[in-house]
Amino acid sequence: MSQNKIIIDIGSGDHAPDAIFQAACQFSKFSNGFEIVLVGHLSNDQIAKKPRHFHYEFASDVIHMVDSPSTALRKGSSTSMGKVLKMLADSPGNAVAISAGNTAALIAMTKHMVGMHNDCLKRPALMSKMPGCAFYCSDLGANLTLSAEQMLEMARFCAQMLPIERPKVALVNIGKEAEKGPTSLKEAYALMQNCAEFDFQGFIEPHEVFQQTVDLLITDGMIGNIMLKSFEGAFTYTAKGLMRSLAKTLFGKLALWNHSPLQQFIQMHQHHQVAILAGAKKPVLKVHGRADVSSFLQSLFFAKQFMLEERRCSLAESVQ
């Protein structure tokens, strides 16, 4: 059996390569049974400090955040992102690519180098857990608008990616009544009512999602991205406020001790900023561009868990 492989783009992101390299080094002690490949441009000092079992692939160029998809495609596999995706496409066993780079470029290059399940999902989508929550949401920014048919297609595909039989799926809307919302949502509601692949729960309002009664939220990329960033901001604001309040008392300070369960919970969920590119023929994970060491480390743990869940790893076979 081939070894699980995590291919890391160390050249992309606001804090690349240093923060990504540090996160990878911290992850090394948890990477037993995994082949780790670092792709990009490391300094001689970083190469010397690289964990011995890590592989390093040099890439002379990077995709910048301002690069258009067409520019990214022209740069191709000379970039860290392009080389990561090429290695993913050529990997015979279980492998996952992870990048904090330009989202539009990552989608375009994934289509070109890795390929998409166009017969099952014509429009690739970004799917992720919401901060501090157990449920997933799609789309989070790949498609600003979606038709009813495209939302149904996305719901079916993303439901297969979850390690749950017939997950509970709901459409995000301004109200629960079937007659509320734009035409595309009302049409999607009608299409999803009798879908066998998942348990459709109807419409759900944003204030209800924290009750966590569903496994997957479906929305277009505009609403999904706004909702995700609102959740991230609210979680960070609440966490910082809680920490300030606790720091005023002795018992609160003990609760905020560096290795306390509370501190670990806040750090883990505050930095959960990774999304799955649904529709790619092989797993591609998108990390937030501003990811720091803690953020990227949590993303690597997600990548590890993602690969260990057999249902997700076998997705390519299950949808063919």
C-alpha atoms as a PDB file:
ATOM      1  CA  MET A   1       0.000   0.000   0.000  1.00  0.00           C
ATOM      2  CA  SER A   2       1.371   3.420  -0.944  1.00  0.00           C
ATOM      3  CA  GLN A   3       2.020   5.932   1.816  1.00  0.00           C
ATOM      4  CA  ASN A   4      -0.303   8.878   2.367  1.00  0.00           C
ATOM      5  CA  LYS A   5       1.273  12.050   0.994  1.00  0.00           C
ATOM      6  CA  ILE A   6       0.732  15.696   1.956  1.00  0.00           C
ATOM      7  CA  ILE A   7       2.158  18.117  -0.633  1.00  0.00           C
ATOM      8  CA  ILE A   8       2.616  21.606   0.828  1.00  0.00           C
ATOM      9  CA  ASP A   9       2.866  24.843  -1.142  1.00  0.00           C
ATOM     10  CA  ILE A  10       5.347  26.825   0.972  1.00  0.00           C
ATOM     11  CA  GLY A  11       5.618  29.670  -1.533  1.00  0.00           C
ATOM     12  CA  SER A  12       2.039  30.998  -1.394  1.00  0.00           C
ATOM     13  CA  GLY A  13       0.330  33.119   1.245  1.00  0.00           C
ATOM     14  CA  ASP A  14       0.873  36.398   3.074  1.00  0.00           C
ATOM     15  CA  HIS A  15       3.365  34.839   5.509  1.00  0.00           C
ATOM     16  CA  ALA A  16       5.082  32.413   3.141  1.00  0.00           C
ATOM     17  CA  PRO A  17       7.487  30.743   3.255  1.00  0.00           C
ATOM     18  CA  ASP A  18       8.552  31.250   6.899  1.00  0.00           C
ATOM     19  CA  ALA A  19       5.227  30.677   8.684  1.00  0.00           C
ATOM     20  CA  ILE A  20       4.372  27.675   6.512  1.00  0.00           C
ATOM     21  CA  PHE A  21       7.811  26.144   7.013  1.00  0.00           C
ATOM     22  CA  GLN A  22       7.532  26.601  10.795  1.00  0.00           C
ATOM     23  CA  ALA A  23       4.069  25.026  10.812  1.00  0.00           C
ATOM     24  CA  ALA A  24       5.329  22.055   8.784  1.00  0.00           C
ATOM     25  CA  CYS A  25       8.253  21.554  11.184  1.00  0.00           C
ATOM     26  CA  GLN A  26       5.885  21.605  14.177  1.00  0.00           C
ATOM     27  CA  PHE A  27       3.654  19.103  12.383  1.00  0.00           C
ATOM     28  CA  SER A  28       6.581  16.717  11.769  1.00  0.00           C
ATOM     29  CA  LYS A  29       6.190  14.919  15.112  1.00  0.00           C
ATOM     30  CA  PHE A  30       2.583  14.060  14.183  1.00  0.00           C
ATOM     31  CA  SER A  31       3.345  12.961  10.618  1.00  0.00           C
ATOM     32  CA  ASN A  32       4.259   9.324  11.233  1.00  0.00           C
ATOM     33  CA  GLY A  33       3.001   7.248   8.296  1.00  0.00           C
ATOM     34  CA  PHE A  34       2.806  10.280   6.009  1.00  0.00           C
ATOM     35  CA  GLU A  35       5.137  11.446   3.277  1.00  0.00           C
ATOM     36  CA  ILE A  36       5.532  15.221   3.563  1.00  0.00           C
ATOM     37  CA  VAL A  37       6.702  17.224   0.546  1.00  0.00           C
ATOM     38  CA  LEU A  38       7.629  20.911   0.788  1.00  0.00           C
ATOM     39  CA  VAL A  39       7.465  22.777  -2.524  1.00  0.00           C
ATOM     40  CA  GLY A  40       8.864  26.264  -2.998  1.00  0.00           C
ATOM     41  CA  HIS A  41      12.023  28.206  -2.237  1.00  0.00           C
ATOM     42  CA  LEU A  42      13.681  27.630   1.157  1.00  0.00           C
ATOM     43  CA  SER A  43      16.813  29.330   2.411  1.00  0.00           C
ATOM     44  CA  ASN A  44      19.931  27.237   3.023  1.00  0.00           C
ATOM     45  CA  ASP A  45      19.339  27.599   6.762  1.00  0.00           C
ATOM     46  CA  GLN A  46      15.763  26.306   6.428  1.00  0.00           C
ATOM     47  CA  ILE A  47      16.926  23.389   4.290  1.00  0.00           C
ATOM     48  CA  ALA A  48      19.424  22.473   7.018  1.00  0.00           C
ATOM     49  CA  LYS A  49      16.668  22.611   9.676  1.00  0.00           C
ATOM     50  CA  LYS A  50      14.166  20.629   7.591  1.00  0.00           C
ATOM     51  CA  PRO A  51      13.055  17.367   9.269  1.00  0.00           C
ATOM     52  CA  ARG A  52      15.016  14.493   7.750  1.00  0.00           C
ATOM     53  CA  HIS A  53      11.990  12.559   6.545  1.00  0.00           C
ATOM     54  CA  PHE A  54      10.572  15.601   4.694  1.00  0.00           C
ATOM     55  CA  HIS A  55      11.165  15.894   0.956  1.00  0.00           C
ATOM     56  CA  TYR A  56      11.963  19.267  -0.593  1.00  0.00           C
ATOM     57  CA  GLU A  57      11.164  20.286  -4.174  1.00  0.00           C
ATOM     58  CA  PHE A  58      12.525  23.614  -5.394  1.00  0.00           C
ATOM     59  CA  ALA A  59      10.231  25.983  -7.310  1.00  0.00           C
ATOM     60  CA  SER A  60      11.694  29.133  -8.829  1.00  0.00           C
ATOM     61  CA  ASP A  61       8.499  31.203  -9.010  1.00  0.00           C
ATOM     62  CA  VAL A  62       5.296  31.914  -7.075  1.00  0.00           C
ATOM     63  CA  ILE A  63       1.712  32.877  -7.859  1.00  0.00           C
ATOM     64  CA  HIS A  64       1.061  36.309  -6.362  1.00  0.00           C
ATOM     65  CA  MET A  65      -2.275  37.312  -4.837  1.00  0.00           C
ATOM     66  CA  VAL A  66      -2.752  39.888  -7.611  1.00  0.00           C
ATOM     67  CA  ASP A  67      -2.055  37.420 -10.438  1.00  0.00           C
ATOM     68  CA  SER A  68      -5.014  36.627 -12.676  1.00  0.00           C
ATOM     69  CA  PRO A  69      -5.937  32.997 -13.415  1.00  0.00           C
ATOM     70  CA  SER A  70      -4.565  33.421 -16.948  1.00  0.00           C
ATOM     71  CA  THR A  71      -1.245  34.697 -15.574  1.00  0.00           C
ATOM     72  CA  ALA A  72      -1.114  31.761 -13.180  1.00  0.00           C
ATOM     73  CA  LEU A  73      -1.703  29.310 -16.018  1.00  0.00           C
ATOM     74  CA  ARG A  74       1.068  30.906 -18.067  1.00  0.00           C
ATOM     75  CA  LYS A  75       3.506  30.620 -15.157  1.00  0.00           C
ATOM     76  CA  GLY A  76       2.478  26.975 -14.746  1.00  0.00           C
ATOM     77  CA  SER A  77       4.600  24.370 -12.995  1.00  0.00           C
ATOM     78  CA  SER A  78       7.555  26.727 -12.491  1.00  0.00           C
ATOM     79  CA  THR A  79       5.589  28.094  -9.516  1.00  0.00           C
ATOM     80  CA  SER A  80       5.239  26.455  -6.110  1.00  0.00           C
ATOM     81  CA  MET A  81       1.459  26.171  -6.559  1.00  0.00           C
ATOM     82  CA  GLY A  82       1.766  24.728 -10.052  1.00  0.00           C
ATOM     83  CA  LYS A  83       4.405  22.215  -9.007  1.00  0.00           C
ATOM     84  CA  VAL A  84       2.320  21.111  -6.016  1.00  0.00           C
ATOM     85  CA  LEU A  85      -0.689  20.460  -8.257  1.00  0.00           C
ATOM     86  CA  LYS A  86       1.429  18.673 -10.873  1.00  0.00           C
ATOM     87  CA  MET A  87       2.857  16.394  -8.163  1.00  0.00           C
ATOM     88  CA  LEU A  88      -0.657  15.736  -6.870  1.00  0.00           C
ATOM     89  CA  ALA A  89      -1.861  14.799 -10.353  1.00  0.00           C
ATOM     90  CA  ASP A  90       1.096  12.440 -10.841  1.00  0.00           C
ATOM     91  CA  SER A  91       0.857  10.776  -7.396  1.00  0.00           C
ATOM     92  CA  PRO A  92      -0.311   7.153  -7.757  1.00  0.00           C
ATOM     93  CA  GLY A  93      -1.564   6.727  -4.178  1.00  0.00           C
ATOM     94  CA  ASN A  94      -3.467   8.771  -1.623  1.00  0.00           C
ATOM     95  CA  ALA A  95      -2.240  12.358  -1.733  1.00  0.00           C
ATOM     96  CA  VAL A  96      -3.531  15.813  -0.852  1.00  0.00           C
ATOM     97  CA  ALA A  97      -2.299  19.263  -1.911  1.00  0.00           C
ATOM     98  CA  ILE A  98      -2.514  22.244   0.444  1.00  0.00           C
ATOM     99  CA  SER A  99      -1.980  25.911  -0.423  1.00  0.00           C
ATOM    100  CA  ALA A 100      -2.615  29.349   1.091  1.00  0.00           C
ATOM    101  CA  GLY A 101      -2.353  30.994  -2.308  1.00  0.00           C
ATOM    102  CA  ASN A 102      -4.555  32.957  -4.692  1.00  0.00           C
ATOM    103  CA  THR A 103      -8.004  31.275  -4.704  1.00  0.00           C
ATOM    104  CA  ALA A 104      -8.939  32.019  -8.321  1.00  0.00           C
ATOM    105  CA  ALA A 105      -5.517  30.869  -9.507  1.00  0.00           C
ATOM    106  CA  LEU A 106      -5.724  27.691  -7.418  1.00  0.00           C
ATOM    107  CA  ILE A 107      -9.097  26.790  -8.930  1.00  0.00           C
ATOM    108  CA  ALA A 108      -7.943  27.523 -12.492  1.00  0.00           C
ATOM    109  CA  MET A 109      -4.705  25.568 -12.106  1.00  0.00           C
ATOM    110  CA  THR A 110      -6.498  22.662 -10.419  1.00  0.00           C
ATOM    111  CA  LYS A 111      -8.887  22.451 -13.372  1.00  0.00           C
ATOM    112  CA  HIS A 112      -5.945  22.465 -15.782  1.00  0.00           C
ATOM    113  CA  MET A 113      -3.475  20.200 -13.942  1.00  0.00           C
ATOM    114  CA  VAL A 114      -5.533  17.894 -11.723  1.00  0.00           C
ATOM    115  CA  GLY A 115      -8.875  17.823 -13.510  1.00  0.00           C
ATOM    116  CA  MET A 116     -12.442  18.145 -12.291  1.00  0.00           C
ATOM    117  CA  HIS A 117     -15.445  15.837 -11.967  1.00  0.00           C
ATOM    118  CA  ASN A 118     -17.346  17.875 -14.551  1.00  0.00           C
ATOM    119  CA  ASP A 119     -19.924  15.125 -15.013  1.00  0.00           C
ATOM    120  CA  CYS A 120     -20.874  15.376 -11.319  1.00  0.00           C
ATOM    121  CA  LEU A 121     -20.071  18.985 -10.427  1.00  0.00           C
ATOM    122  CA  LYS A 122     -19.748  21.479 -13.257  1.00  0.00           C
ATOM    123  CA  ARG A 123     -18.866  24.396 -10.950  1.00  0.00           C
ATOM    124  CA  PRO A 124     -16.156  23.657  -8.336  1.00  0.00           C
ATOM    125  CA  ALA A 125     -17.000  24.866  -4.832  1.00  0.00           C
ATOM    126  CA  LEU A 126     -15.172  25.660  -1.602  1.00  0.00           C
ATOM    127  CA  MET A 127     -16.447  23.671   1.380  1.00  0.00           C
ATOM    128  CA  SER A 128     -15.338  24.054   4.989  1.00  0.00           C
ATOM    129  CA  LYS A 129     -16.408  23.808   8.591  1.00  0.00           C
ATOM    130  CA  MET A 130     -17.520  27.022  10.220  1.00  0.00           C
ATOM    131  CA  PRO A 131     -15.266  28.257  13.080  1.00  0.00           C
ATOM    132  CA  GLY A 132     -16.033  26.395  16.301  1.00  0.00           C
ATOM    133  CA  CYS A 133     -18.773  24.309  14.639  1.00  0.00           C
ATOM    134  CA  ALA A 134     -19.162  20.701  13.532  1.00  0.00           C
ATOM    135  CA  PHE A 135     -21.128  21.362  10.330  1.00  0.00           C
ATOM    136  CA  TYR A 136     -19.848  22.218   6.843  1.00  0.00           C
ATOM    137  CA  CYS A 137     -20.865  24.963   4.451  1.00  0.00           C
ATOM    138  CA  SER A 138     -20.575  25.222   0.662  1.00  0.00           C
ATOM    139  CA  ASP A 139     -19.983  27.370  -1.367  1.00  0.00           C
ATOM    140  CA  LEU A 140     -17.602  29.744   0.442  1.00  0.00           C
ATOM    141  CA  GLY A 141     -16.479  31.890  -2.441  1.00  0.00           C
ATOM    142  CA  ALA A 142     -15.718  29.942  -5.608  1.00  0.00           C
ATOM    143  CA  ASN A 143     -19.022  30.953  -7.281  1.00  0.00           C
ATOM    144  CA  LEU A 144     -20.650  34.296  -6.495  1.00  0.00           C
ATOM    145  CA  THR A 145     -23.952  33.144  -8.017  1.00  0.00           C
ATOM    146  CA  LEU A 146     -25.442  29.677  -8.526  1.00  0.00           C
ATOM    147  CA  SER A 147     -28.586  28.450 -10.260  1.00  0.00           C
ATOM    148  CA  ALA A 148     -31.004  26.080  -8.547  1.00  0.00           C
ATOM    149  CA  GLU A 149     -29.647  23.148 -10.569  1.00  0.00           C
ATOM    150  CA  GLN A 150     -26.070  24.042  -9.620  1.00  0.00           C
ATOM    151  CA  MET A 151     -26.985  24.219  -5.921  1.00  0.00           C
ATOM    152  CA  LEU A 152     -28.595  20.779  -6.142  1.00  0.00           C
ATOM    153  CA  GLU A 153     -25.527  19.409  -7.930  1.00  0.00           C
ATOM    154  CA  MET A 154     -23.244  20.923  -5.279  1.00  0.00           C
ATOM    155  CA  ALA A 155     -25.365  19.561  -2.431  1.00  0.00           C
ATOM    156  CA  ARG A 156     -25.267  16.041  -3.867  1.00  0.00           C
ATOM    157  CA  PHE A 157     -21.517  16.118  -4.445  1.00  0.00           C
ATOM    158  CA  CYS A 158     -20.594  17.676  -1.089  1.00  0.00           C
ATOM    159  CA  ALA A 159     -22.906  15.311   0.794  1.00  0.00           C
ATOM    160  CA  GLN A 160     -20.866  12.402  -0.604  1.00  0.00           C
ATOM    161  CA  MET A 161     -17.704  13.950   0.831  1.00  0.00           C
ATOM    162  CA  LEU A 162     -18.981  13.754   4.407  1.00  0.00           C
ATOM    163  CA  PRO A 163     -18.326  10.584   6.441  1.00  0.00           C
ATOM    164  CA  ILE A 164     -22.063  10.411   7.236  1.00  0.00           C
ATOM    165  CA  GLU A 165     -24.823   8.358   5.645  1.00  0.00           C
ATOM    166  CA  ARG A 166     -27.549  10.667   4.288  1.00  0.00           C
ATOM    167  CA  PRO A 167     -26.333  13.858   5.996  1.00  0.00           C
ATOM    168  CA  LYS A 168     -28.823  16.541   6.947  1.00  0.00           C
ATOM    169  CA  VAL A 169     -28.673  19.373   4.392  1.00  0.00           C
ATOM    170  CA  ALA A 170     -30.272  22.826   4.531  1.00  0.00           C
ATOM    171  CA  LEU A 171     -30.387  25.905   2.293  1.00  0.00           C
ATOM    172  CA  VAL A 172     -29.383  29.231   3.875  1.00  0.00           C
ATOM    173  CA  ASN A 173     -32.168  31.797   3.427  1.00  0.00           C
ATOM    174  CA  ILE A 174     -33.721  34.888   5.020  1.00  0.00           C
ATOM    175  CA  GLY A 175     -36.654  32.827   6.303  1.00  0.00           C
ATOM    176  CA  LYS A 176     -37.826  29.226   6.720  1.00  0.00           C
ATOM    177  CA  GLU A 177     -41.005  29.580   4.670  1.00  0.00           C
ATOM    178  CA  ALA A 178     -40.871  27.975   1.207  1.00  0.00           C
ATOM    179  CA  GLU A 179     -42.123  31.152  -0.490  1.00  0.00           C
ATOM    180  CA  LYS A 180     -39.329  33.377   0.882  1.00  0.00           C
ATOM    181  CA  GLY A 181     -36.089  34.317  -0.834  1.00  0.00           C
ATOM    182  CA  PRO A 182     -34.910  34.759  -4.430  1.00  0.00           C
ATOM    183  CA  THR A 183     -36.215  32.588  -7.258  1.00  0.00           C
ATOM    184  CA  SER A 184     -33.055  30.462  -7.442  1.00  0.00           C
ATOM    185  CA  LEU A 185     -33.403  29.464  -3.776  1.00  0.00           C
ATOM    186  CA  LYS A 186     -37.105  28.645  -4.085  1.00  0.00           C
ATOM    187  CA  GLU A 187     -36.379  26.513  -7.148  1.00  0.00           C
ATOM    188  CA  ALA A 188     -33.490  24.776  -5.343  1.00  0.00           C
ATOM    189  CA  TYR A 189     -35.834  24.067  -2.420  1.00  0.00           C
ATOM    190  CA  ALA A 190     -38.255  22.309  -4.765  1.00  0.00           C
ATOM    191  CA  LEU A 191     -35.481  20.283  -6.422  1.00  0.00           C
ATOM    192  CA  MET A 192     -33.966  19.106  -3.129  1.00  0.00           C
ATOM    193  CA  GLN A 193     -37.178  17.965  -1.457  1.00  0.00           C
ATOM    194  CA  ASN A 194     -37.052  14.461  -2.893  1.00  0.00           C
ATOM    195  CA  CYS A 195     -33.283  13.980  -3.174  1.00  0.00           C
ATOM    196  CA  ALA A 196     -32.241  10.481  -2.051  1.00  0.00           C
ATOM    197  CA  GLU A 197     -28.565  11.309  -1.405  1.00  0.00           C
ATOM    198  CA  PHE A 198     -29.264  13.428   1.677  1.00  0.00           C
ATOM    199  CA  ASP A 199     -31.919  14.309   4.246  1.00  0.00           C
ATOM    200  CA  PHE A 200     -33.174  17.734   3.164  1.00  0.00           C
ATOM    201  CA  GLN A 201     -34.148  19.984   6.081  1.00  0.00           C
ATOM    202  CA  GLY A 202     -35.504  22.906   4.053  1.00  0.00           C
ATOM    203  CA  PHE A 203     -34.464  26.506   4.630  1.00  0.00           C
ATOM    204  CA  ILE A 204     -32.404  27.613   7.616  1.00  0.00           C
ATOM    205  CA  GLU A 205     -31.802  31.149   8.850  1.00  0.00           C
ATOM    206  CA  PRO A 206     -28.246  32.242   9.780  1.00  0.00           C
ATOM    207  CA  HIS A 207     -29.081  32.706  13.470  1.00  0.00           C
ATOM    208  CA  GLU A 208     -30.202  29.052  13.654  1.00  0.00           C
ATOM    209  CA  VAL A 209     -27.049  27.464  12.272  1.00  0.00           C
ATOM    210  CA  PHE A 210     -25.281  27.542  15.660  1.00  0.00           C
ATOM    211  CA  GLN A 211     -27.870  25.075  16.960  1.00  0.00           C
ATOM    212  CA  GLN A 212     -26.005  22.610  14.713  1.00  0.00           C
ATOM    213  CA  THR A 213     -29.071  20.648  13.646  1.00  0.00           C
ATOM    214  CA  VAL A 214     -27.683  20.046  10.140  1.00  0.00           C
ATOM    215  CA  ASP A 215     -24.484  18.573   8.693  1.00  0.00           C
ATOM    216  CA  LEU A 216     -24.180  20.701   5.548  1.00  0.00           C
ATOM    217  CA  LEU A 217     -25.307  24.217   4.646  1.00  0.00           C
ATOM    218  CA  ILE A 218     -25.764  25.077   0.976  1.00  0.00           C
ATOM    219  CA  THR A 219     -25.542  28.622  -0.366  1.00  0.00           C
ATOM    220  CA  ASP A 220     -23.928  30.593  -3.168  1.00  0.00           C
ATOM    221  CA  GLY A 221     -20.344  31.793  -2.795  1.00  0.00           C
ATOM    222  CA  MET A 222     -21.302  35.404  -2.069  1.00  0.00           C
ATOM    223  CA  ILE A 223     -23.500  34.609   0.931  1.00  0.00           C
ATOM    224  CA  GLY A 224     -21.220  31.781   2.068  1.00  0.00           C
ATOM    225  CA  ASN A 225     -18.094  33.934   2.062  1.00  0.00           C
ATOM    226  CA  ILE A 226     -19.799  36.782   3.925  1.00  0.00           C
ATOM    227  CA  MET A 227     -21.206  34.330   6.474  1.00  0.00           C
ATOM    228  CA  LEU A 228     -17.813  32.642   7.014  1.00  0.00           C
ATOM    229  CA  LYS A 229     -15.993  35.943   7.529  1.00  0.00           C
ATOM    230  CA  SER A 230     -18.744  37.140   9.873  1.00  0.00           C
ATOM    231  CA  PHE A 231     -18.414  33.934  11.897  1.00  0.00           C
ATOM    232  CA  GLU A 232     -14.620  34.284  12.008  1.00  0.00           C
ATOM    233  CA  GLY A 233     -14.864  37.878  13.198  1.00  0.00           C
ATOM    234  CA  ALA A 234     -17.548  37.100  15.787  1.00  0.00           C
ATOM    235  CA  PHE A 235     -15.621  34.099  17.125  1.00  0.00           C
ATOM    236  CA  THR A 236     -12.374  36.088  17.408  1.00  0.00           C
ATOM    237  CA  TYR A 237     -14.153  39.035  19.055  1.00  0.00           C
ATOM    238  CA  THR A 238     -15.931  36.773  21.564  1.00  0.00           C
ATOM    239  CA  ALA A 239     -12.782  34.769  22.328  1.00  0.00           C
ATOM    240  CA  LYS A 240     -10.709  37.896  22.959  1.00  0.00           C
ATOM    241  CA  GLY A 241     -13.440  39.393  25.140  1.00  0.00           C
ATOM    242  CA  LEU A 242     -13.666  36.184  27.164  1.00  0.00           C
ATOM    243  CA  MET A 243      -9.900  36.069  27.615  1.00  0.00           C
ATOM    244  CA  ARG A 244      -9.797  39.714  28.762  1.00  0.00           C
ATOM    245  CA  SER A 245     -12.555  39.074  31.311  1.00  0.00           C
ATOM    246  CA  LEU A 246     -10.948  35.908  32.649  1.00  0.00           C
ATOM    247  CA  ALA A 247      -7.571  37.603  32.977  1.00  0.00           C
ATOM    248  CA  LYS A 248      -9.032  39.910  35.656  1.00  0.00           C
ATOM    249  CA  THR A 249      -9.342  37.117  38.250  1.00  0.00           C
ATOM    250  CA  LEU A 250      -6.978  34.520  39.682  1.00  0.00           C
ATOM    251  CA  PHE A 251      -9.188  31.586  38.693  1.00  0.00           C
ATOM    252  CA  GLY A 252      -9.633  33.113  35.261  1.00  0.00           C
ATOM    253  CA  LYS A 253      -5.886  33.363  34.823  1.00  0.00           C
ATOM    254  CA  LEU A 254      -5.592  29.675  35.737  1.00  0.00           C
ATOM    255  CA  ALA A 255      -8.231  28.888  33.095  1.00  0.00           C
ATOM    256  CA  LEU A 256      -6.111  30.732  30.543  1.00  0.00           C
ATOM    257  CA  TRP A 257      -2.968  28.823  31.447  1.00  0.00           C
ATOM    258  CA  ASN A 258      -1.094  28.079  28.227  1.00  0.00           C
ATOM    259  CA  HIS A 259      -2.018  24.387  28.034  1.00  0.00           C
ATOM    260  CA  SER A 260      -5.504  24.557  29.563  1.00  0.00           C
ATOM    261  CA  PRO A 261      -8.425  22.971  27.659  1.00  0.00           C
ATOM    262  CA  LEU A 262     -10.026  26.419  27.267  1.00  0.00           C
ATOM    263  CA  GLN A 263      -6.892  27.951  25.756  1.00  0.00           C
ATOM    264  CA  GLN A 264      -6.450  24.979  23.420  1.00  0.00           C
ATOM    265  CA  PHE A 265     -10.101  25.176  22.315  1.00  0.00           C
ATOM    266  CA  ILE A 266      -9.822  28.889  21.498  1.00  0.00           C
ATOM    267  CA  GLN A 267      -6.571  28.446  19.603  1.00  0.00           C
ATOM    268  CA  MET A 268      -7.843  25.442  17.654  1.00  0.00           C
ATOM    269  CA  HIS A 269     -11.099  27.017  16.467  1.00  0.00           C
ATOM    270  CA  GLN A 270      -9.831  30.563  16.060  1.00  0.00           C
ATOM    271  CA  HIS A 271      -7.296  29.331  13.502  1.00  0.00           C
ATOM    272  CA  HIS A 272      -9.440  26.838  11.571  1.00  0.00           C
ATOM    273  CA  GLN A 273      -9.198  28.402   8.120  1.00  0.00           C
ATOM    274  CA  VAL A 274      -9.057  25.599   5.558  1.00  0.00           C
ATOM    275  CA  ALA A 275     -11.513  24.701   2.802  1.00  0.00           C
ATOM    276  CA  ILE A 276     -11.863  21.707   0.493  1.00  0.00           C
ATOM    277  CA  LEU A 277     -12.028  22.355  -3.249  1.00  0.00           C
ATOM    278  CA  ALA A 278     -15.051  20.203  -4.020  1.00  0.00           C
ATOM    279  CA  GLY A 279     -15.059  18.847  -7.553  1.00  0.00           C
ATOM    280  CA  ALA A 280     -11.334  18.268  -7.994  1.00  0.00           C
ATOM    281  CA  LYS A 281     -10.366  14.737  -9.045  1.00  0.00           C
ATOM    282  CA  LYS A 282      -7.821  14.652  -6.214  1.00  0.00           C
ATOM    283  CA  PRO A 283      -8.021  16.442  -2.849  1.00  0.00           C
ATOM    284  CA  VAL A 284      -6.972  20.100  -2.902  1.00  0.00           C
ATOM    285  CA  LEU A 285      -7.173  22.128   0.322  1.00  0.00           C
ATOM    286  CA  LYS A 286      -7.278  25.926   0.333  1.00  0.00           C
ATOM    287  CA  VAL A 287      -5.917  27.701   3.420  1.00  0.00           C
ATOM    288  CA  HIS A 288      -6.725  31.338   4.164  1.00  0.00           C
ATOM    289  CA  GLY A 289      -4.152  33.642   2.581  1.00  0.00           C
ATOM    290  CA  ARG A 290      -3.360  35.369   5.864  1.00  0.00           C
ATOM    291  CA  ALA A 291      -2.706  32.089   7.683  1.00  0.00           C
ATOM    292  CA  ASP A 292       0.006  32.331  10.340  1.00  0.00           C
ATOM    293  CA  VAL A 293       1.958  29.468  11.941  1.00  0.00           C
ATOM    294  CA  SER A 294      -0.944  28.358  14.178  1.00  0.00           C
ATOM    295  CA  SER A 295      -3.482  28.612  11.354  1.00  0.00           C
ATOM    296  CA  PHE A 296      -1.429  26.578   8.930  1.00  0.00           C
ATOM    297  CA  LEU A 297      -0.578  23.997  11.593  1.00  0.00           C
ATOM    298  CA  GLN A 298      -4.289  23.423  12.236  1.00  0.00           C
ATOM    299  CA  SER A 299      -4.782  23.107   8.477  1.00  0.00           C
ATOM    300  CA  LEU A 300      -2.139  20.374   8.354  1.00  0.00           C
ATOM    301  CA  PHE A 301      -3.942  18.491  11.120  1.00  0.00           C
ATOM    302  CA  PHE A 302      -7.118  18.823   9.051  1.00  0.00           C
ATOM    303  CA  ALA A 303      -5.281  17.464   5.997  1.00  0.00           C
ATOM    304  CA  LYS A 304      -4.105  14.471   8.027  1.00  0.00           C
ATOM    305  CA  GLN A 305      -7.606  13.741   9.327  1.00  0.00           C
ATOM    306  CA  PHE A 306      -9.056  14.251   5.860  1.00  0.00           C
ATOM    307  CA  MET A 307      -6.785  11.543   4.449  1.00  0.00           C
ATOM    308  CA  LEU A 308      -7.464   9.134   7.294  1.00  0.00           C
ATOM    309  CA  GLU A 309     -11.190   9.186   6.581  1.00  0.00           C
ATOM    310  CA  GLU A 310     -11.502   6.529   3.910  1.00  0.00           C
ATOM    311  CA  ARG A 311     -14.772   7.831   2.489  1.00  0.00           C
ATOM    312  CA  ARG A 312     -13.171  11.120   1.481  1.00  0.00           C
ATOM    313  CA  CYS A 313     -10.026   9.493   0.105  1.00  0.00           C
ATOM    314  CA  SER A 314     -12.091   7.200  -2.086  1.00  0.00           C
ATOM    315  CA  LEU A 315     -14.259  10.035  -3.382  1.00  0.00           C
ATOM    316  CA  ALA A 316     -12.735   9.935  -6.853  1.00  0.00           C
ATOM    317  CA  GLU A 317     -13.732   6.305  -7.248  1.00  0.00           C
ATOM    318  CA  SER A 318     -17.174   6.707  -5.685  1.00  0.00           C
ATOM    319  CA  VAL A 319     -18.347   9.401  -8.095  1.00  0.00           C
ATOM    320  CA  GLN A 320     -17.025   7.864 -11.306  1.00  0.00           C
END
